[in-house]
Amino acid sequence: MDRRSDPRLTELAIMLKTELLHPEILRACARAGHHSKILIADGNYPAASKIGPRAELVSLQLTPGIPTVAQVLRALLSVVPIDVFNTMGIDPSDEYASKEDPPVWQEFRQILREANCNRELKPIQKWDFYSAVQSDDHVLTIQTADQALWANLLLSVGVRQC
């Protein structure tokens, strides 16, 4: 029997006591280890071509703007420890650059505070960000429909501490 088409798996997901219910994302998170990379990509990210050789791609685009990277971040933080939060850094010469941090970064910082996470956002310049994503450590890309500019987040899985 194909486990993906088994309706019992959907019923099991509803019974979980977690914010994250998506079975493919849960499976990928469960298989990830320390230093594994998870990309939460905005709707503009070239997810099909900028992906690690072993990474899975989960497309969550429902309609423009739904879901957002921030919504996925909240759900992921409920199930997996994260050590590093890399944003896609902005080259000042980029046509979409602004003098200030993108507004979505403030939303990410607020989510980290709410999760009692004392980690900082660490920007990686755009082309270096793509290289970091395409590493062997990249295990999962979650493509959202977020319309915010510079909303991509590359997460490094931490260590579970009892």
C-alpha atoms as a PDB file:
ATOM      1  CA  MET A   1       0.000   0.000   0.000  1.00  0.00           C
ATOM      2  CA  ASP A   2       1.275   3.470  -0.875  1.00  0.00           C
ATOM      3  CA  ARG A   3       1.729   5.243   2.470  1.00  0.00           C
ATOM      4  CA  ARG A   4       1.131   8.653   0.884  1.00  0.00           C
ATOM      5  CA  SER A   5      -2.369   7.688  -0.189  1.00  0.00           C
ATOM      6  CA  ASP A   6      -3.269   5.983   3.102  1.00  0.00           C
ATOM      7  CA  PRO A   7      -6.028   8.064   4.807  1.00  0.00           C
ATOM      8  CA  ARG A   8      -4.953   6.699   8.213  1.00  0.00           C
ATOM      9  CA  LEU A   9      -1.764   8.789   7.999  1.00  0.00           C
ATOM     10  CA  THR A  10      -3.838  11.969   7.728  1.00  0.00           C
ATOM     11  CA  GLU A  11      -5.863  10.910  10.763  1.00  0.00           C
ATOM     12  CA  LEU A  12      -2.641  10.335  12.704  1.00  0.00           C
ATOM     13  CA  ALA A  13      -1.371  13.814  11.834  1.00  0.00           C
ATOM     14  CA  ILE A  14      -4.528  15.403  13.231  1.00  0.00           C
ATOM     15  CA  MET A  15      -3.900  13.656  16.556  1.00  0.00           C
ATOM     16  CA  LEU A  16      -0.389  15.074  16.991  1.00  0.00           C
ATOM     17  CA  LYS A  17       0.149  17.652  19.722  1.00  0.00           C
ATOM     18  CA  THR A  18       2.284  19.965  17.626  1.00  0.00           C
ATOM     19  CA  GLU A  19       1.828  23.022  15.456  1.00  0.00           C
ATOM     20  CA  LEU A  20       3.323  21.181  12.492  1.00  0.00           C
ATOM     21  CA  LEU A  21       1.096  18.550  10.866  1.00  0.00           C
ATOM     22  CA  HIS A  22       2.471  18.197   7.332  1.00  0.00           C
ATOM     23  CA  PRO A  23       3.626  14.557   7.064  1.00  0.00           C
ATOM     24  CA  GLU A  24       6.412  15.102   4.498  1.00  0.00           C
ATOM     25  CA  ILE A  25       7.886  17.996   6.476  1.00  0.00           C
ATOM     26  CA  LEU A  26       7.669  16.056   9.742  1.00  0.00           C
ATOM     27  CA  ARG A  27       9.407  13.079   8.135  1.00  0.00           C
ATOM     28  CA  ALA A  28      12.210  15.243   6.751  1.00  0.00           C
ATOM     29  CA  CYS A  29      12.665  16.978  10.118  1.00  0.00           C
ATOM     30  CA  ALA A  30      12.785  13.624  11.909  1.00  0.00           C
ATOM     31  CA  ARG A  31      15.524  12.432   9.542  1.00  0.00           C
ATOM     32  CA  ALA A  32      17.571  15.639   9.817  1.00  0.00           C
ATOM     33  CA  GLY A  33      20.539  15.696  12.139  1.00  0.00           C
ATOM     34  CA  HIS A  34      22.741  18.320  13.717  1.00  0.00           C
ATOM     35  CA  HIS A  35      23.876  20.887  11.116  1.00  0.00           C
ATOM     36  CA  SER A  36      21.342  19.732   8.525  1.00  0.00           C
ATOM     37  CA  LYS A  37      19.967  22.657   6.532  1.00  0.00           C
ATOM     38  CA  ILE A  38      16.288  23.455   6.033  1.00  0.00           C
ATOM     39  CA  LEU A  39      15.332  26.259   3.663  1.00  0.00           C
ATOM     40  CA  ILE A  40      12.040  28.067   4.047  1.00  0.00           C
ATOM     41  CA  ALA A  41      11.788  29.800   0.684  1.00  0.00           C
ATOM     42  CA  ASP A  42       9.611  32.719  -0.318  1.00  0.00           C
ATOM     43  CA  GLY A  43       7.506  32.673  -3.462  1.00  0.00           C
ATOM     44  CA  ASN A  44      10.264  34.275  -5.543  1.00  0.00           C
ATOM     45  CA  TYR A  45      12.988  31.759  -4.691  1.00  0.00           C
ATOM     46  CA  PRO A  46      14.143  29.499  -7.585  1.00  0.00           C
ATOM     47  CA  ALA A  47      13.486  26.325  -5.587  1.00  0.00           C
ATOM     48  CA  ALA A  48      13.718  23.915  -8.517  1.00  0.00           C
ATOM     49  CA  SER A  49      17.227  25.008  -9.502  1.00  0.00           C
ATOM     50  CA  LYS A  50      18.809  26.219  -6.227  1.00  0.00           C
ATOM     51  CA  ILE A  51      18.561  23.083  -4.112  1.00  0.00           C
ATOM     52  CA  GLY A  52      20.993  20.665  -2.496  1.00  0.00           C
ATOM     53  CA  PRO A  53      21.714  17.327  -4.189  1.00  0.00           C
ATOM     54  CA  ARG A  54      19.999  15.334  -1.419  1.00  0.00           C
ATOM     55  CA  ALA A  55      17.263  17.804  -0.489  1.00  0.00           C
ATOM     56  CA  GLU A  56      13.550  17.246  -0.787  1.00  0.00           C
ATOM     57  CA  LEU A  57      11.260  19.973  -2.096  1.00  0.00           C
ATOM     58  CA  VAL A  58       7.850  20.477  -0.494  1.00  0.00           C
ATOM     59  CA  SER A  59       5.679  22.992  -2.322  1.00  0.00           C
ATOM     60  CA  LEU A  60       3.158  24.679  -0.025  1.00  0.00           C
ATOM     61  CA  GLN A  61       1.971  27.465  -2.315  1.00  0.00           C
ATOM     62  CA  LEU A  62      -1.799  27.632  -1.900  1.00  0.00           C
ATOM     63  CA  THR A  63      -2.480  31.124  -3.180  1.00  0.00           C
ATOM     64  CA  PRO A  64      -0.243  34.230  -3.405  1.00  0.00           C
ATOM     65  CA  GLY A  65       0.833  35.068   0.138  1.00  0.00           C
ATOM     66  CA  ILE A  66      -0.402  31.843   1.740  1.00  0.00           C
ATOM     67  CA  PRO A  67       1.467  30.464   3.558  1.00  0.00           C
ATOM     68  CA  THR A  68       4.224  32.862   4.524  1.00  0.00           C
ATOM     69  CA  VAL A  69       7.764  32.035   5.578  1.00  0.00           C
ATOM     70  CA  ALA A  70       6.912  33.349   9.055  1.00  0.00           C
ATOM     71  CA  GLN A  71       3.998  30.921   9.399  1.00  0.00           C
ATOM     72  CA  VAL A  72       6.200  27.996   8.420  1.00  0.00           C
ATOM     73  CA  LEU A  73       8.959  29.189  10.772  1.00  0.00           C
ATOM     74  CA  ARG A  74       6.520  29.173  13.706  1.00  0.00           C
ATOM     75  CA  ALA A  75       5.474  25.613  12.890  1.00  0.00           C
ATOM     76  CA  LEU A  76       9.058  24.368  12.481  1.00  0.00           C
ATOM     77  CA  LEU A  77      10.165  25.910  15.768  1.00  0.00           C
ATOM     78  CA  SER A  78       7.517  23.803  17.495  1.00  0.00           C
ATOM     79  CA  VAL A  79       9.255  20.563  16.450  1.00  0.00           C
ATOM     80  CA  VAL A  80      12.950  21.060  15.729  1.00  0.00           C
ATOM     81  CA  PRO A  81      15.794  22.908  17.496  1.00  0.00           C
ATOM     82  CA  ILE A  82      17.540  25.480  15.310  1.00  0.00           C
ATOM     83  CA  ASP A  83      21.090  26.750  15.931  1.00  0.00           C
ATOM     84  CA  VAL A  84      21.534  29.172  13.016  1.00  0.00           C
ATOM     85  CA  PHE A  85      19.053  31.427  11.210  1.00  0.00           C
ATOM     86  CA  ASN A  86      20.497  32.727   7.939  1.00  0.00           C
ATOM     87  CA  THR A  87      18.629  35.272   5.871  1.00  0.00           C
ATOM     88  CA  MET A  88      19.448  36.054   2.264  1.00  0.00           C
ATOM     89  CA  GLY A  89      21.684  39.117   2.577  1.00  0.00           C
ATOM     90  CA  ILE A  90      21.132  42.072   0.320  1.00  0.00           C
ATOM     91  CA  ASP A  91      23.866  43.448  -1.890  1.00  0.00           C
ATOM     92  CA  PRO A  92      23.464  47.256  -1.894  1.00  0.00           C
ATOM     93  CA  SER A  93      23.749  47.228  -5.688  1.00  0.00           C
ATOM     94  CA  ASP A  94      20.751  44.871  -6.039  1.00  0.00           C
ATOM     95  CA  GLU A  95      17.786  46.559  -7.704  1.00  0.00           C
ATOM     96  CA  TYR A  96      15.520  45.398  -4.836  1.00  0.00           C
ATOM     97  CA  ALA A  97      17.846  46.583  -2.062  1.00  0.00           C
ATOM     98  CA  SER A  98      16.768  49.100   0.548  1.00  0.00           C
ATOM     99  CA  LYS A  99      18.773  50.978   3.160  1.00  0.00           C
ATOM    100  CA  GLU A 100      17.002  49.212   6.024  1.00  0.00           C
ATOM    101  CA  ASP A 101      16.431  45.573   6.891  1.00  0.00           C
ATOM    102  CA  PRO A 102      13.400  44.168   5.101  1.00  0.00           C
ATOM    103  CA  PRO A 103      10.237  44.403   7.258  1.00  0.00           C
ATOM    104  CA  VAL A 104       9.852  40.609   7.215  1.00  0.00           C
ATOM    105  CA  TRP A 105      13.124  40.272   9.155  1.00  0.00           C
ATOM    106  CA  GLN A 106      11.506  42.127  12.073  1.00  0.00           C
ATOM    107  CA  GLU A 107       8.677  39.601  11.973  1.00  0.00           C
ATOM    108  CA  PHE A 108      11.220  36.757  12.107  1.00  0.00           C
ATOM    109  CA  ARG A 109      12.940  38.382  15.109  1.00  0.00           C
ATOM    110  CA  GLN A 110       9.594  38.679  16.880  1.00  0.00           C
ATOM    111  CA  ILE A 111       8.865  34.991  16.281  1.00  0.00           C
ATOM    112  CA  LEU A 112      12.266  34.065  17.740  1.00  0.00           C
ATOM    113  CA  ARG A 113      11.564  36.187  20.836  1.00  0.00           C
ATOM    114  CA  GLU A 114       8.136  34.557  21.256  1.00  0.00           C
ATOM    115  CA  ALA A 115       9.799  31.129  21.017  1.00  0.00           C
ATOM    116  CA  ASN A 116      12.334  32.155  23.710  1.00  0.00           C
ATOM    117  CA  CYS A 117      15.105  31.698  21.181  1.00  0.00           C
ATOM    118  CA  ASN A 118      18.086  33.993  21.740  1.00  0.00           C
ATOM    119  CA  ARG A 119      19.604  33.396  18.292  1.00  0.00           C
ATOM    120  CA  GLU A 120      20.174  36.240  15.836  1.00  0.00           C
ATOM    121  CA  LEU A 121      19.428  36.470  12.139  1.00  0.00           C
ATOM    122  CA  LYS A 122      22.684  36.172  10.216  1.00  0.00           C
ATOM    123  CA  PRO A 123      22.562  37.445   6.633  1.00  0.00           C
ATOM    124  CA  ILE A 124      24.499  35.645   3.905  1.00  0.00           C
ATOM    125  CA  GLN A 125      24.952  37.571   0.657  1.00  0.00           C
ATOM    126  CA  LYS A 126      22.604  36.391  -2.100  1.00  0.00           C
ATOM    127  CA  TRP A 127      25.033  34.354  -4.224  1.00  0.00           C
ATOM    128  CA  ASP A 128      26.727  32.840  -1.158  1.00  0.00           C
ATOM    129  CA  PHE A 129      23.255  32.013   0.177  1.00  0.00           C
ATOM    130  CA  TYR A 130      22.519  30.033  -2.993  1.00  0.00           C
ATOM    131  CA  SER A 131      25.817  28.159  -2.563  1.00  0.00           C
ATOM    132  CA  ALA A 132      24.998  27.385   1.082  1.00  0.00           C
ATOM    133  CA  VAL A 133      21.628  25.990   0.049  1.00  0.00           C
ATOM    134  CA  GLN A 134      23.197  23.785  -2.622  1.00  0.00           C
ATOM    135  CA  SER A 135      25.421  22.014  -0.069  1.00  0.00           C
ATOM    136  CA  ASP A 136      25.296  18.323   0.801  1.00  0.00           C
ATOM    137  CA  ASP A 137      23.863  19.288   4.215  1.00  0.00           C
ATOM    138  CA  HIS A 138      20.679  20.694   2.691  1.00  0.00           C
ATOM    139  CA  VAL A 139      17.873  18.202   3.421  1.00  0.00           C
ATOM    140  CA  LEU A 140      14.639  20.127   2.844  1.00  0.00           C
ATOM    141  CA  THR A 141      13.251  23.139   1.002  1.00  0.00           C
ATOM    142  CA  ILE A 142       9.781  24.298   1.940  1.00  0.00           C
ATOM    143  CA  GLN A 143       8.555  26.587  -0.854  1.00  0.00           C
ATOM    144  CA  THR A 144       5.965  29.061   0.415  1.00  0.00           C
ATOM    145  CA  ALA A 145       3.895  31.608  -1.456  1.00  0.00           C
ATOM    146  CA  ASP A 146       5.295  34.510   0.584  1.00  0.00           C
ATOM    147  CA  GLN A 147       5.331  37.719  -1.429  1.00  0.00           C
ATOM    148  CA  ALA A 148       7.680  39.618   0.914  1.00  0.00           C
ATOM    149  CA  LEU A 149      11.062  40.520  -0.517  1.00  0.00           C
ATOM    150  CA  TRP A 150      14.114  38.876   1.065  1.00  0.00           C
ATOM    151  CA  ALA A 151      12.014  36.450   3.127  1.00  0.00           C
ATOM    152  CA  ASN A 152      14.184  33.350   2.572  1.00  0.00           C
ATOM    153  CA  LEU A 153      15.486  31.619   5.696  1.00  0.00           C
ATOM    154  CA  LEU A 154      18.170  28.938   5.771  1.00  0.00           C
ATOM    155  CA  LEU A 155      18.035  27.109   9.088  1.00  0.00           C
ATOM    156  CA  SER A 156      20.708  24.883  10.615  1.00  0.00           C
ATOM    157  CA  VAL A 157      19.296  22.148  12.804  1.00  0.00           C
ATOM    158  CA  GLY A 158      20.519  22.160  16.372  1.00  0.00           C
ATOM    159  CA  VAL A 159      20.759  19.503  19.056  1.00  0.00           C
ATOM    160  CA  ARG A 160      17.857  18.225  21.102  1.00  0.00           C
ATOM    161  CA  GLN A 161      18.539  18.884  24.765  1.00  0.00           C
ATOM    162  CA  CYS A 162      16.499  17.211  27.503  1.00  0.00           C
END
